[in-house]
Amino acid sequence: MGVNWITRGSLGWGTTPAPHAPCDRGLVAHYHGESRLNLRNRPHTDCWRIWRQVRSWHVHGNGWLDIGYSYGVCPHAYTFVGRGFQRRQAAQPGGNTSWTSVYLFVGGSEPLTAVQLAQLAALRSNLGGRGIGAGTSIHSRFSATSCPGPTITAMHNDGSLWAGGDNGGGDLDMAEAHWYSTYPLADGYSPQQVPAGQTRAVLFDRSNNSNVDRNNRYASYAFANRKVTGHVTVRVRRAGTTGAFGDNEPGRWYLHYGRVDGAPAAHAEPDSAYLGHMGTTSHLTLPVTGQTFTDQRMRSYVTAYDHDLEITAARVYTWQAER
């Protein structure tokens, strides 16, 4: 994805009066505030309205000479130009001339959309090609503030905010790939770790579809607006033991599946709409059926209860993902 620019000219704004500054250490993420915007379910024209409101608030409310941010990235995959490239900001104290600020059109704990993350990555790549460094940060690292909120902060901390939607595994639509699989102890494969008391998405790295990158692992197997049916089989073993197929007693563990909004990190838990199977043997098979809606993904999950576990093999089969 390239950068989908919305320029100052298209907004009816002239050249920013902000002076030039290096702003070359990297990008700093910001958000709207503690209230959710829910723009993902609203027309893109509302993003224009919000961006203009932010500028009015900064100029007329705060008395600043322009909108405080360099850029804004909305849930519909557009980049709004604020002060723009290498201009002093009013965004992160102590970093307004050394960093470049990016306002993300979300509030509260609402998730970013997958295309919003991809647009953020495209903006970062574009600016990097023009001399902006690869550093990343968040507003709260510069001042005592809750900005950019719990969701963006967690994604920054685990690196998924800047991964372009490739959040610990990436996505591949099962409407185009008939099955996913992951095999143990082959091609340098390292089993997934599932600490006791925690939940992890099952990551797949093989498919009968040639578009799958064998060096990447995919967490999601159905995109938005799909009616899905199929089966998932997962094998586990107690962490630290040997045997590709878990020749041990793994204790209680749970195989389940569910939907996630946007493109969150691979450790993000699913919604509660779907249940699964509890077991104490080394493998479980789970029928999967359900519907994804706008900007949702379908994933399978393992929850470990008694012991730290390793996922040694998994496969999605008899699959249909109807558009």
C-alpha atoms as a PDB file:
ATOM      1  CA  MET A   1       0.000   0.000   0.000  1.00  0.00           C
ATOM      2  CA  GLY A   2       1.243   3.472  -0.876  1.00  0.00           C
ATOM      3  CA  VAL A   3       0.466   6.671   0.979  1.00  0.00           C
ATOM      4  CA  ASN A   4      -3.013   8.023   0.223  1.00  0.00           C
ATOM      5  CA  TRP A   5      -2.380  11.699   0.784  1.00  0.00           C
ATOM      6  CA  ILE A   6      -4.965  14.284   1.760  1.00  0.00           C
ATOM      7  CA  THR A   7      -3.042  17.493   1.319  1.00  0.00           C
ATOM      8  CA  ARG A   8      -3.381  20.840   3.010  1.00  0.00           C
ATOM      9  CA  GLY A   9      -4.506  22.236  -0.327  1.00  0.00           C
ATOM     10  CA  SER A  10      -7.409  19.816  -0.560  1.00  0.00           C
ATOM     11  CA  LEU A  11      -8.370  20.841   2.977  1.00  0.00           C
ATOM     12  CA  GLY A  12      -8.364  24.496   1.964  1.00  0.00           C
ATOM     13  CA  TRP A  13      -5.341  25.263   4.124  1.00  0.00           C
ATOM     14  CA  GLY A  14      -2.335  27.224   2.958  1.00  0.00           C
ATOM     15  CA  THR A  15       1.292  26.460   3.751  1.00  0.00           C
ATOM     16  CA  THR A  16       1.896  25.938   7.448  1.00  0.00           C
ATOM     17  CA  PRO A  17       3.461  28.895   9.262  1.00  0.00           C
ATOM     18  CA  ALA A  18       5.459  26.470  11.424  1.00  0.00           C
ATOM     19  CA  PRO A  19       9.241  26.888  10.965  1.00  0.00           C
ATOM     20  CA  HIS A  20      11.440  24.186   9.496  1.00  0.00           C
ATOM     21  CA  ALA A  21      13.008  21.657  11.859  1.00  0.00           C
ATOM     22  CA  PRO A  22      14.851  18.324  11.398  1.00  0.00           C
ATOM     23  CA  CYS A  23      12.180  16.073  13.022  1.00  0.00           C
ATOM     24  CA  ASP A  24      14.315  13.161  11.835  1.00  0.00           C
ATOM     25  CA  ARG A  25      14.536  10.725  14.754  1.00  0.00           C
ATOM     26  CA  GLY A  26      11.377   8.854  13.819  1.00  0.00           C
ATOM     27  CA  LEU A  27       7.623   8.798  14.469  1.00  0.00           C
ATOM     28  CA  VAL A  28       5.613   9.452  17.637  1.00  0.00           C
ATOM     29  CA  ALA A  29       2.077   8.056  17.932  1.00  0.00           C
ATOM     30  CA  HIS A  30      -0.827  10.090  19.338  1.00  0.00           C
ATOM     31  CA  TYR A  31      -4.584   9.514  19.632  1.00  0.00           C
ATOM     32  CA  HIS A  32      -7.733  11.614  19.971  1.00  0.00           C
ATOM     33  CA  GLY A  33      -8.402  11.126  23.661  1.00  0.00           C
ATOM     34  CA  GLU A  34     -10.288   8.924  26.099  1.00  0.00           C
ATOM     35  CA  SER A  35     -13.568   8.920  24.150  1.00  0.00           C
ATOM     36  CA  ARG A  36     -13.999   6.465  21.280  1.00  0.00           C
ATOM     37  CA  LEU A  37     -14.425   7.989  17.822  1.00  0.00           C
ATOM     38  CA  ASN A  38     -15.841   4.867  16.107  1.00  0.00           C
ATOM     39  CA  LEU A  39     -14.829   6.251  12.724  1.00  0.00           C
ATOM     40  CA  ARG A  40     -14.273   2.746  11.383  1.00  0.00           C
ATOM     41  CA  ASN A  41     -18.066   2.405  11.103  1.00  0.00           C
ATOM     42  CA  ARG A  42     -18.678   5.901   9.795  1.00  0.00           C
ATOM     43  CA  PRO A  43     -18.156   7.556   6.389  1.00  0.00           C
ATOM     44  CA  HIS A  44     -14.727   8.899   5.505  1.00  0.00           C
ATOM     45  CA  THR A  45     -16.137  12.419   5.367  1.00  0.00           C
ATOM     46  CA  ASP A  46     -16.265  12.286   9.169  1.00  0.00           C
ATOM     47  CA  CYS A  47     -12.464  11.947   9.214  1.00  0.00           C
ATOM     48  CA  TRP A  48     -12.191  15.218   7.298  1.00  0.00           C
ATOM     49  CA  ARG A  49     -14.497  16.833   9.837  1.00  0.00           C
ATOM     50  CA  ILE A  50     -12.475  15.512  12.806  1.00  0.00           C
ATOM     51  CA  TRP A  51      -9.164  16.689  11.315  1.00  0.00           C
ATOM     52  CA  ARG A  52     -10.553  20.173  10.798  1.00  0.00           C
ATOM     53  CA  GLN A  53     -11.946  20.161  14.345  1.00  0.00           C
ATOM     54  CA  VAL A  54      -8.558  19.232  15.776  1.00  0.00           C
ATOM     55  CA  ARG A  55      -6.926  22.092  13.897  1.00  0.00           C
ATOM     56  CA  SER A  56      -9.587  24.558  15.070  1.00  0.00           C
ATOM     57  CA  TRP A  57      -9.144  23.381  18.655  1.00  0.00           C
ATOM     58  CA  HIS A  58      -5.370  23.757  18.452  1.00  0.00           C
ATOM     59  CA  VAL A  59      -5.451  27.166  16.776  1.00  0.00           C
ATOM     60  CA  HIS A  60      -8.426  28.824  18.474  1.00  0.00           C
ATOM     61  CA  GLY A  61      -8.513  26.891  21.741  1.00  0.00           C
ATOM     62  CA  ASN A  62      -4.799  26.536  22.461  1.00  0.00           C
ATOM     63  CA  GLY A  63      -3.628  29.613  20.573  1.00  0.00           C
ATOM     64  CA  TRP A  64      -1.145  27.613  18.483  1.00  0.00           C
ATOM     65  CA  LEU A  65      -0.137  28.780  15.027  1.00  0.00           C
ATOM     66  CA  ASP A  66      -1.416  25.595  13.334  1.00  0.00           C
ATOM     67  CA  ILE A  67      -2.608  22.063  14.024  1.00  0.00           C
ATOM     68  CA  GLY A  68      -0.101  20.497  16.378  1.00  0.00           C
ATOM     69  CA  TYR A  69       0.599  17.272  14.460  1.00  0.00           C
ATOM     70  CA  SER A  70       2.690  16.535  11.420  1.00  0.00           C
ATOM     71  CA  TYR A  71       0.315  13.917  10.000  1.00  0.00           C
ATOM     72  CA  GLY A  72      -2.860  11.990  10.765  1.00  0.00           C
ATOM     73  CA  VAL A  73      -3.770   8.445   9.681  1.00  0.00           C
ATOM     74  CA  CYS A  74      -7.446   7.510   9.558  1.00  0.00           C
ATOM     75  CA  PRO A  75      -9.226   4.116   9.703  1.00  0.00           C
ATOM     76  CA  HIS A  76     -10.041   4.312   5.983  1.00  0.00           C
ATOM     77  CA  ALA A  77      -6.324   4.261   5.011  1.00  0.00           C
ATOM     78  CA  TYR A  78      -5.710   7.929   4.279  1.00  0.00           C
ATOM     79  CA  THR A  79      -2.921  10.177   5.527  1.00  0.00           C
ATOM     80  CA  PHE A  80      -3.911  13.759   6.333  1.00  0.00           C
ATOM     81  CA  VAL A  81      -1.152  16.344   6.145  1.00  0.00           C
ATOM     82  CA  GLY A  82      -0.917  18.583   9.198  1.00  0.00           C
ATOM     83  CA  ARG A  83       2.206  20.676   9.589  1.00  0.00           C
ATOM     84  CA  GLY A  84       3.852  18.232   7.250  1.00  0.00           C
ATOM     85  CA  PHE A  85       7.423  17.267   6.529  1.00  0.00           C
ATOM     86  CA  GLN A  86      10.179  18.627   8.788  1.00  0.00           C
ATOM     87  CA  ARG A  87       8.187  21.358  10.463  1.00  0.00           C
ATOM     88  CA  ARG A  88       8.275  22.142  14.175  1.00  0.00           C
ATOM     89  CA  GLN A  89       5.239  20.700  15.941  1.00  0.00           C
ATOM     90  CA  ALA A  90       3.231  21.283  19.102  1.00  0.00           C
ATOM     91  CA  ALA A  91       2.749  17.619  19.918  1.00  0.00           C
ATOM     92  CA  GLN A  92       5.375  16.076  22.210  1.00  0.00           C
ATOM     93  CA  PRO A  93       7.319  18.389  24.547  1.00  0.00           C
ATOM     94  CA  GLY A  94      11.052  18.020  24.093  1.00  0.00           C
ATOM     95  CA  GLY A  95      10.588  16.280  20.749  1.00  0.00           C
ATOM     96  CA  ASN A  96       8.826  18.824  18.592  1.00  0.00           C
ATOM     97  CA  THR A  97      11.889  19.572  16.496  1.00  0.00           C
ATOM     98  CA  SER A  98      13.512  16.140  16.601  1.00  0.00           C
ATOM     99  CA  TRP A  99      10.582  13.742  16.058  1.00  0.00           C
ATOM    100  CA  THR A 100       7.614  13.582  13.651  1.00  0.00           C
ATOM    101  CA  SER A 101       4.143  13.251  15.176  1.00  0.00           C
ATOM    102  CA  VAL A 102       1.359  11.060  13.809  1.00  0.00           C
ATOM    103  CA  TYR A 103      -2.206  11.399  15.072  1.00  0.00           C
ATOM    104  CA  LEU A 104      -4.183   8.163  14.786  1.00  0.00           C
ATOM    105  CA  PHE A 105      -7.928   8.667  14.364  1.00  0.00           C
ATOM    106  CA  VAL A 106      -9.029   6.556  17.342  1.00  0.00           C
ATOM    107  CA  GLY A 107      -9.918   7.240  20.956  1.00  0.00           C
ATOM    108  CA  GLY A 108     -10.159   5.286  24.166  1.00  0.00           C
ATOM    109  CA  SER A 109      -9.284   1.624  23.801  1.00  0.00           C
ATOM    110  CA  GLU A 110     -10.784   1.114  20.339  1.00  0.00           C
ATOM    111  CA  PRO A 111      -8.627  -0.914  17.930  1.00  0.00           C
ATOM    112  CA  LEU A 112      -6.999   0.367  14.782  1.00  0.00           C
ATOM    113  CA  THR A 113      -8.203  -1.049  11.478  1.00  0.00           C
ATOM    114  CA  ALA A 114      -5.912  -3.284   9.438  1.00  0.00           C
ATOM    115  CA  VAL A 115      -5.777  -0.746   6.602  1.00  0.00           C
ATOM    116  CA  GLN A 116      -4.983   2.008   9.089  1.00  0.00           C
ATOM    117  CA  LEU A 117      -1.966   0.038  10.276  1.00  0.00           C
ATOM    118  CA  ALA A 118      -0.922  -0.589   6.693  1.00  0.00           C
ATOM    119  CA  GLN A 119      -1.237   3.131   5.947  1.00  0.00           C
ATOM    120  CA  LEU A 120       0.868   3.981   8.998  1.00  0.00           C
ATOM    121  CA  ALA A 121       3.553   1.601   7.731  1.00  0.00           C
ATOM    122  CA  ALA A 122       3.360   3.168   4.268  1.00  0.00           C
ATOM    123  CA  LEU A 123       3.753   6.658   5.747  1.00  0.00           C
ATOM    124  CA  ARG A 124       6.721   5.523   7.812  1.00  0.00           C
ATOM    125  CA  SER A 125       8.339   3.984   4.734  1.00  0.00           C
ATOM    126  CA  ASN A 126       7.725   7.119   2.675  1.00  0.00           C
ATOM    127  CA  LEU A 127       9.199   9.403   5.307  1.00  0.00           C
ATOM    128  CA  GLY A 128      12.114   7.033   5.826  1.00  0.00           C
ATOM    129  CA  GLY A 129      12.956   7.358   2.151  1.00  0.00           C
ATOM    130  CA  ARG A 130      13.084  11.128   2.638  1.00  0.00           C
ATOM    131  CA  GLY A 131      15.475  11.070   5.565  1.00  0.00           C
ATOM    132  CA  ILE A 132      13.296  10.492   8.629  1.00  0.00           C
ATOM    133  CA  GLY A 133      14.851   7.959  10.989  1.00  0.00           C
ATOM    134  CA  ALA A 134      13.443   4.557  11.904  1.00  0.00           C
ATOM    135  CA  GLY A 135      12.806   5.391  15.565  1.00  0.00           C
ATOM    136  CA  THR A 136       9.338   4.932  17.056  1.00  0.00           C
ATOM    137  CA  SER A 137       7.781   6.312  20.215  1.00  0.00           C
ATOM    138  CA  ILE A 138       4.519   7.402  21.846  1.00  0.00           C
ATOM    139  CA  HIS A 139       3.339  10.661  23.372  1.00  0.00           C
ATOM    140  CA  SER A 140       3.524   9.430  26.981  1.00  0.00           C
ATOM    141  CA  ARG A 141       7.285   8.974  26.657  1.00  0.00           C
ATOM    142  CA  PHE A 142       7.617  12.751  26.405  1.00  0.00           C
ATOM    143  CA  SER A 143       5.141  13.971  29.027  1.00  0.00           C
ATOM    144  CA  ALA A 144       2.795  12.736  31.757  1.00  0.00           C
ATOM    145  CA  THR A 145      -0.242  11.812  29.690  1.00  0.00           C
ATOM    146  CA  SER A 146      -2.439   8.816  28.941  1.00  0.00           C
ATOM    147  CA  CYS A 147      -1.973   9.461  25.210  1.00  0.00           C
ATOM    148  CA  PRO A 148      -2.015   7.398  23.034  1.00  0.00           C
ATOM    149  CA  GLY A 149      -4.246   5.172  25.179  1.00  0.00           C
ATOM    150  CA  PRO A 150      -3.990   1.524  26.232  1.00  0.00           C
ATOM    151  CA  THR A 151      -4.452  -0.127  22.838  1.00  0.00           C
ATOM    152  CA  ILE A 152      -1.845   1.881  20.930  1.00  0.00           C
ATOM    153  CA  THR A 153       0.554   1.805  23.875  1.00  0.00           C
ATOM    154  CA  ALA A 154       0.369  -2.000  24.064  1.00  0.00           C
ATOM    155  CA  MET A 155       0.853  -2.307  20.296  1.00  0.00           C
ATOM    156  CA  HIS A 156       3.835   0.032  20.415  1.00  0.00           C
ATOM    157  CA  ASN A 157       5.383  -1.984  23.231  1.00  0.00           C
ATOM    158  CA  ASP A 158       5.076  -5.285  21.372  1.00  0.00           C
ATOM    159  CA  GLY A 159       6.058  -3.787  18.015  1.00  0.00           C
ATOM    160  CA  SER A 160       2.788  -4.545  16.243  1.00  0.00           C
ATOM    161  CA  LEU A 161       1.835  -0.873  15.826  1.00  0.00           C
ATOM    162  CA  TRP A 162       4.618  -0.370  13.322  1.00  0.00           C
ATOM    163  CA  ALA A 163       4.431  -3.741  11.561  1.00  0.00           C
ATOM    164  CA  GLY A 164       1.915  -2.768   8.909  1.00  0.00           C
ATOM    165  CA  GLY A 165      -0.702  -5.277   9.992  1.00  0.00           C
ATOM    166  CA  ASP A 166       1.853  -8.112  10.277  1.00  0.00           C
ATOM    167  CA  ASN A 167       1.219  -8.485  13.969  1.00  0.00           C
ATOM    168  CA  GLY A 168       3.116 -11.508  15.127  1.00  0.00           C
ATOM    169  CA  GLY A 169       2.075 -13.530  12.122  1.00  0.00           C
ATOM    170  CA  GLY A 170       0.321 -11.517   9.461  1.00  0.00           C
ATOM    171  CA  ASP A 171      -2.866 -12.410   7.642  1.00  0.00           C
ATOM    172  CA  LEU A 172      -3.838 -14.476   4.637  1.00  0.00           C
ATOM    173  CA  ASP A 173      -7.436 -14.866   3.587  1.00  0.00           C
ATOM    174  CA  MET A 174      -8.553 -18.491   3.603  1.00  0.00           C
ATOM    175  CA  ALA A 175     -10.846 -17.657   0.686  1.00  0.00           C
ATOM    176  CA  GLU A 176      -7.616 -17.758  -1.341  1.00  0.00           C
ATOM    177  CA  ALA A 177      -5.749 -20.498   0.589  1.00  0.00           C
ATOM    178  CA  HIS A 178      -7.474 -23.837   1.025  1.00  0.00           C
ATOM    179  CA  TRP A 179      -5.645 -24.787   4.180  1.00  0.00           C
ATOM    180  CA  TYR A 180      -2.962 -23.685   6.567  1.00  0.00           C
ATOM    181  CA  SER A 181      -0.599 -25.929   8.423  1.00  0.00           C
ATOM    182  CA  THR A 182       2.417 -25.733  10.664  1.00  0.00           C
ATOM    183  CA  TYR A 183       4.707 -28.714  11.143  1.00  0.00           C
ATOM    184  CA  PRO A 184       7.064 -29.374  14.059  1.00  0.00           C
ATOM    185  CA  LEU A 185      10.817 -29.331  14.081  1.00  0.00           C
ATOM    186  CA  ALA A 186      11.287 -28.710  10.371  1.00  0.00           C
ATOM    187  CA  ASP A 187      13.074 -25.976   8.443  1.00  0.00           C
ATOM    188  CA  GLY A 188      14.266 -24.422  11.674  1.00  0.00           C
ATOM    189  CA  TYR A 189      10.742 -24.221  13.069  1.00  0.00           C
ATOM    190  CA  SER A 190      10.546 -23.294  16.747  1.00  0.00           C
ATOM    191  CA  PRO A 191       7.380 -24.378  18.568  1.00  0.00           C
ATOM    192  CA  GLN A 192       5.112 -21.596  19.766  1.00  0.00           C
ATOM    193  CA  GLN A 193       5.258 -20.936  23.486  1.00  0.00           C
ATOM    194  CA  VAL A 194       2.039 -20.655  25.514  1.00  0.00           C
ATOM    195  CA  PRO A 195       2.762 -19.729  29.162  1.00  0.00           C
ATOM    196  CA  ALA A 196       0.489 -21.253  31.809  1.00  0.00           C
ATOM    197  CA  GLY A 197      -2.571 -19.100  32.389  1.00  0.00           C
ATOM    198  CA  GLN A 198      -2.232 -17.278  29.069  1.00  0.00           C
ATOM    199  CA  THR A 199      -3.763 -17.426  25.593  1.00  0.00           C
ATOM    200  CA  ARG A 200      -1.958 -17.328  22.250  1.00  0.00           C
ATOM    201  CA  ALA A 201      -3.188 -17.298  18.667  1.00  0.00           C
ATOM    202  CA  VAL A 202      -2.082 -20.322  16.667  1.00  0.00           C
ATOM    203  CA  LEU A 203       0.362 -19.187  13.967  1.00  0.00           C
ATOM    204  CA  PHE A 204       0.534 -20.998  10.629  1.00  0.00           C
ATOM    205  CA  ASP A 205       3.460 -20.947   8.218  1.00  0.00           C
ATOM    206  CA  ARG A 206       2.566 -23.421   5.474  1.00  0.00           C
ATOM    207  CA  SER A 207      -0.236 -23.677   2.945  1.00  0.00           C
ATOM    208  CA  ASN A 208      -1.049 -25.260  -0.378  1.00  0.00           C
ATOM    209  CA  ASN A 209      -1.192 -21.709  -1.705  1.00  0.00           C
ATOM    210  CA  SER A 210       2.066 -20.480  -3.222  1.00  0.00           C
ATOM    211  CA  ASN A 211       1.416 -16.950  -1.941  1.00  0.00           C
ATOM    212  CA  VAL A 212       2.280 -18.019   1.592  1.00  0.00           C
ATOM    213  CA  ASP A 213       5.711 -16.847   2.707  1.00  0.00           C
ATOM    214  CA  ARG A 214       7.360 -19.810   4.408  1.00  0.00           C
ATOM    215  CA  ASN A 215       9.454 -17.384   6.472  1.00  0.00           C
ATOM    216  CA  ASN A 216       6.400 -15.687   7.924  1.00  0.00           C
ATOM    217  CA  ARG A 217       3.725 -16.959  10.282  1.00  0.00           C
ATOM    218  CA  TYR A 218       0.096 -16.150   9.801  1.00  0.00           C
ATOM    219  CA  ALA A 219      -2.326 -15.702  12.679  1.00  0.00           C
ATOM    220  CA  SER A 220      -5.595 -14.983  10.872  1.00  0.00           C
ATOM    221  CA  TYR A 221      -7.227 -17.331   8.408  1.00  0.00           C
ATOM    222  CA  ALA A 222     -10.348 -15.413   7.414  1.00  0.00           C
ATOM    223  CA  PHE A 223     -10.753 -11.741   6.589  1.00  0.00           C
ATOM    224  CA  ALA A 224     -13.817  -9.537   6.941  1.00  0.00           C
ATOM    225  CA  ASN A 225     -17.274 -10.475   5.752  1.00  0.00           C
ATOM    226  CA  ARG A 226     -16.687 -14.213   5.394  1.00  0.00           C
ATOM    227  CA  LYS A 227     -18.907 -17.144   6.272  1.00  0.00           C
ATOM    228  CA  VAL A 228     -16.441 -19.775   7.430  1.00  0.00           C
ATOM    229  CA  THR A 229     -16.634 -23.502   8.107  1.00  0.00           C
ATOM    230  CA  GLY A 230     -13.921 -26.088   8.671  1.00  0.00           C
ATOM    231  CA  HIS A 231     -11.803 -27.848  11.259  1.00  0.00           C
ATOM    232  CA  VAL A 232      -8.660 -27.048  13.213  1.00  0.00           C
ATOM    233  CA  THR A 233      -6.397 -29.698  14.745  1.00  0.00           C
ATOM    234  CA  VAL A 234      -3.661 -28.640  17.173  1.00  0.00           C
ATOM    235  CA  ARG A 235      -0.996 -30.708  18.961  1.00  0.00           C
ATOM    236  CA  VAL A 236       0.825 -29.494  22.052  1.00  0.00           C
ATOM    237  CA  ARG A 237       3.450 -30.727  24.484  1.00  0.00           C
ATOM    238  CA  ARG A 238       4.578 -29.571  27.868  1.00  0.00           C
ATOM    239  CA  ALA A 239       7.322 -26.971  27.451  1.00  0.00           C
ATOM    240  CA  GLY A 240      10.800 -28.398  27.834  1.00  0.00           C
ATOM    241  CA  THR A 241       9.851 -31.955  26.884  1.00  0.00           C
ATOM    242  CA  THR A 242      10.697 -33.776  23.673  1.00  0.00           C
ATOM    243  CA  GLY A 243       8.548 -35.514  21.119  1.00  0.00           C
ATOM    244  CA  ALA A 244       7.066 -33.761  18.146  1.00  0.00           C
ATOM    245  CA  PHE A 245       3.531 -34.840  18.975  1.00  0.00           C
ATOM    246  CA  GLY A 246       3.492 -34.169  22.679  1.00  0.00           C
ATOM    247  CA  ASP A 247       4.221 -37.614  24.094  1.00  0.00           C
ATOM    248  CA  ASN A 248       3.610 -36.348  27.595  1.00  0.00           C
ATOM    249  CA  GLU A 249       0.803 -35.156  29.830  1.00  0.00           C
ATOM    250  CA  PRO A 250       0.265 -31.500  28.974  1.00  0.00           C
ATOM    251  CA  GLY A 251      -2.354 -30.988  31.670  1.00  0.00           C
ATOM    252  CA  ARG A 252      -5.479 -28.987  30.974  1.00  0.00           C
ATOM    253  CA  TRP A 253      -5.511 -26.820  27.878  1.00  0.00           C
ATOM    254  CA  TYR A 254      -8.179 -25.233  25.739  1.00  0.00           C
ATOM    255  CA  LEU A 255      -8.457 -24.978  21.951  1.00  0.00           C
ATOM    256  CA  HIS A 256     -10.888 -22.329  20.816  1.00  0.00           C
ATOM    257  CA  TYR A 257     -11.450 -19.767  18.103  1.00  0.00           C
ATOM    258  CA  GLY A 258     -12.989 -16.355  17.712  1.00  0.00           C
ATOM    259  CA  ARG A 259     -13.042 -13.044  15.953  1.00  0.00           C
ATOM    260  CA  VAL A 260     -10.711 -10.121  16.506  1.00  0.00           C
ATOM    261  CA  ASP A 261     -11.209  -6.539  15.343  1.00  0.00           C
ATOM    262  CA  GLY A 262      -8.680  -4.917  13.060  1.00  0.00           C
ATOM    263  CA  ALA A 263      -5.204  -6.411  13.043  1.00  0.00           C
ATOM    264  CA  PRO A 264      -4.183  -6.685  16.686  1.00  0.00           C
ATOM    265  CA  ALA A 265      -1.116  -8.434  18.010  1.00  0.00           C
ATOM    266  CA  ALA A 266      -1.046 -12.210  17.861  1.00  0.00           C
ATOM    267  CA  HIS A 267      -1.511 -12.461  21.624  1.00  0.00           C
ATOM    268  CA  ALA A 268      -4.780 -10.497  21.553  1.00  0.00           C
ATOM    269  CA  GLU A 269      -7.644 -12.599  22.880  1.00  0.00           C
ATOM    270  CA  PRO A 270     -10.739 -13.227  20.734  1.00  0.00           C
ATOM    271  CA  ASP A 271     -14.274 -12.162  21.406  1.00  0.00           C
ATOM    272  CA  SER A 272     -16.458 -14.448  23.508  1.00  0.00           C
ATOM    273  CA  ALA A 273     -18.806 -15.449  20.708  1.00  0.00           C
ATOM    274  CA  TYR A 274     -17.184 -18.806  20.074  1.00  0.00           C
ATOM    275  CA  LEU A 275     -16.352 -21.651  22.412  1.00  0.00           C
ATOM    276  CA  GLY A 276     -14.009 -24.584  21.984  1.00  0.00           C
ATOM    277  CA  HIS A 277     -12.758 -27.795  23.553  1.00  0.00           C
ATOM    278  CA  MET A 278     -10.934 -28.494  26.808  1.00  0.00           C
ATOM    279  CA  GLY A 279      -8.532 -31.429  26.837  1.00  0.00           C
ATOM    280  CA  THR A 280      -5.671 -33.121  28.658  1.00  0.00           C
ATOM    281  CA  THR A 281      -4.327 -35.165  25.731  1.00  0.00           C
ATOM    282  CA  SER A 282      -1.679 -34.047  23.284  1.00  0.00           C
ATOM    283  CA  HIS A 283      -4.070 -33.039  20.512  1.00  0.00           C
ATOM    284  CA  LEU A 284      -7.558 -31.660  19.949  1.00  0.00           C
ATOM    285  CA  THR A 285      -9.709 -31.151  16.865  1.00  0.00           C
ATOM    286  CA  LEU A 286     -12.201 -28.292  16.793  1.00  0.00           C
ATOM    287  CA  PRO A 287     -14.992 -27.652  14.251  1.00  0.00           C
ATOM    288  CA  VAL A 288     -15.011 -23.996  13.227  1.00  0.00           C
ATOM    289  CA  THR A 289     -18.084 -22.200  11.957  1.00  0.00           C
ATOM    290  CA  GLY A 290     -19.011 -18.543  12.076  1.00  0.00           C
ATOM    291  CA  GLN A 291     -19.273 -15.184  10.387  1.00  0.00           C
ATOM    292  CA  THR A 292     -16.791 -12.315  10.303  1.00  0.00           C
ATOM    293  CA  PHE A 293     -18.010  -8.773   9.881  1.00  0.00           C
ATOM    294  CA  THR A 294     -16.448  -5.479   8.824  1.00  0.00           C
ATOM    295  CA  ASP A 295     -12.701  -5.347   9.533  1.00  0.00           C
ATOM    296  CA  GLN A 296     -12.646  -8.562  11.553  1.00  0.00           C
ATOM    297  CA  ARG A 297     -10.398 -11.624  11.397  1.00  0.00           C
ATOM    298  CA  MET A 298     -10.907 -15.238  12.446  1.00  0.00           C
ATOM    299  CA  ARG A 299      -8.196 -16.950  14.496  1.00  0.00           C
ATOM    300  CA  SER A 300      -7.656 -20.106  16.556  1.00  0.00           C
ATOM    301  CA  TYR A 301      -6.272 -19.939  20.089  1.00  0.00           C
ATOM    302  CA  VAL A 302      -4.650 -22.168  22.697  1.00  0.00           C
ATOM    303  CA  THR A 303      -5.039 -21.414  26.403  1.00  0.00           C
ATOM    304  CA  ALA A 304      -2.693 -23.243  28.797  1.00  0.00           C
ATOM    305  CA  TYR A 305      -3.899 -23.925  32.330  1.00  0.00           C
ATOM    306  CA  ASP A 306      -1.659 -26.290  34.315  1.00  0.00           C
ATOM    307  CA  HIS A 307       1.706 -26.009  32.558  1.00  0.00           C
ATOM    308  CA  ASP A 308       3.666 -23.946  30.065  1.00  0.00           C
ATOM    309  CA  LEU A 309       2.964 -25.485  26.656  1.00  0.00           C
ATOM    310  CA  GLU A 310       4.459 -25.580  23.181  1.00  0.00           C
ATOM    311  CA  ILE A 311       2.337 -25.805  20.028  1.00  0.00           C
ATOM    312  CA  THR A 312       4.095 -28.415  17.910  1.00  0.00           C
ATOM    313  CA  ALA A 313       1.666 -28.865  15.015  1.00  0.00           C
ATOM    314  CA  ALA A 314      -1.561 -27.389  13.723  1.00  0.00           C
ATOM    315  CA  ARG A 315      -3.688 -27.634  10.625  1.00  0.00           C
ATOM    316  CA  VAL A 316      -6.810 -26.007   9.196  1.00  0.00           C
ATOM    317  CA  TYR A 317      -8.685 -28.310   6.794  1.00  0.00           C
ATOM    318  CA  THR A 318     -12.043 -29.052   5.121  1.00  0.00           C
ATOM    319  CA  TRP A 319     -12.183 -25.294   4.809  1.00  0.00           C
ATOM    320  CA  GLN A 320     -14.647 -22.936   3.181  1.00  0.00           C
ATOM    321  CA  ALA A 321     -14.549 -19.170   3.496  1.00  0.00           C
ATOM    322  CA  GLU A 322     -17.356 -17.761   1.407  1.00  0.00           C
ATOM    323  CA  ARG A 323     -17.308 -14.113   0.423  1.00  0.00           C
END
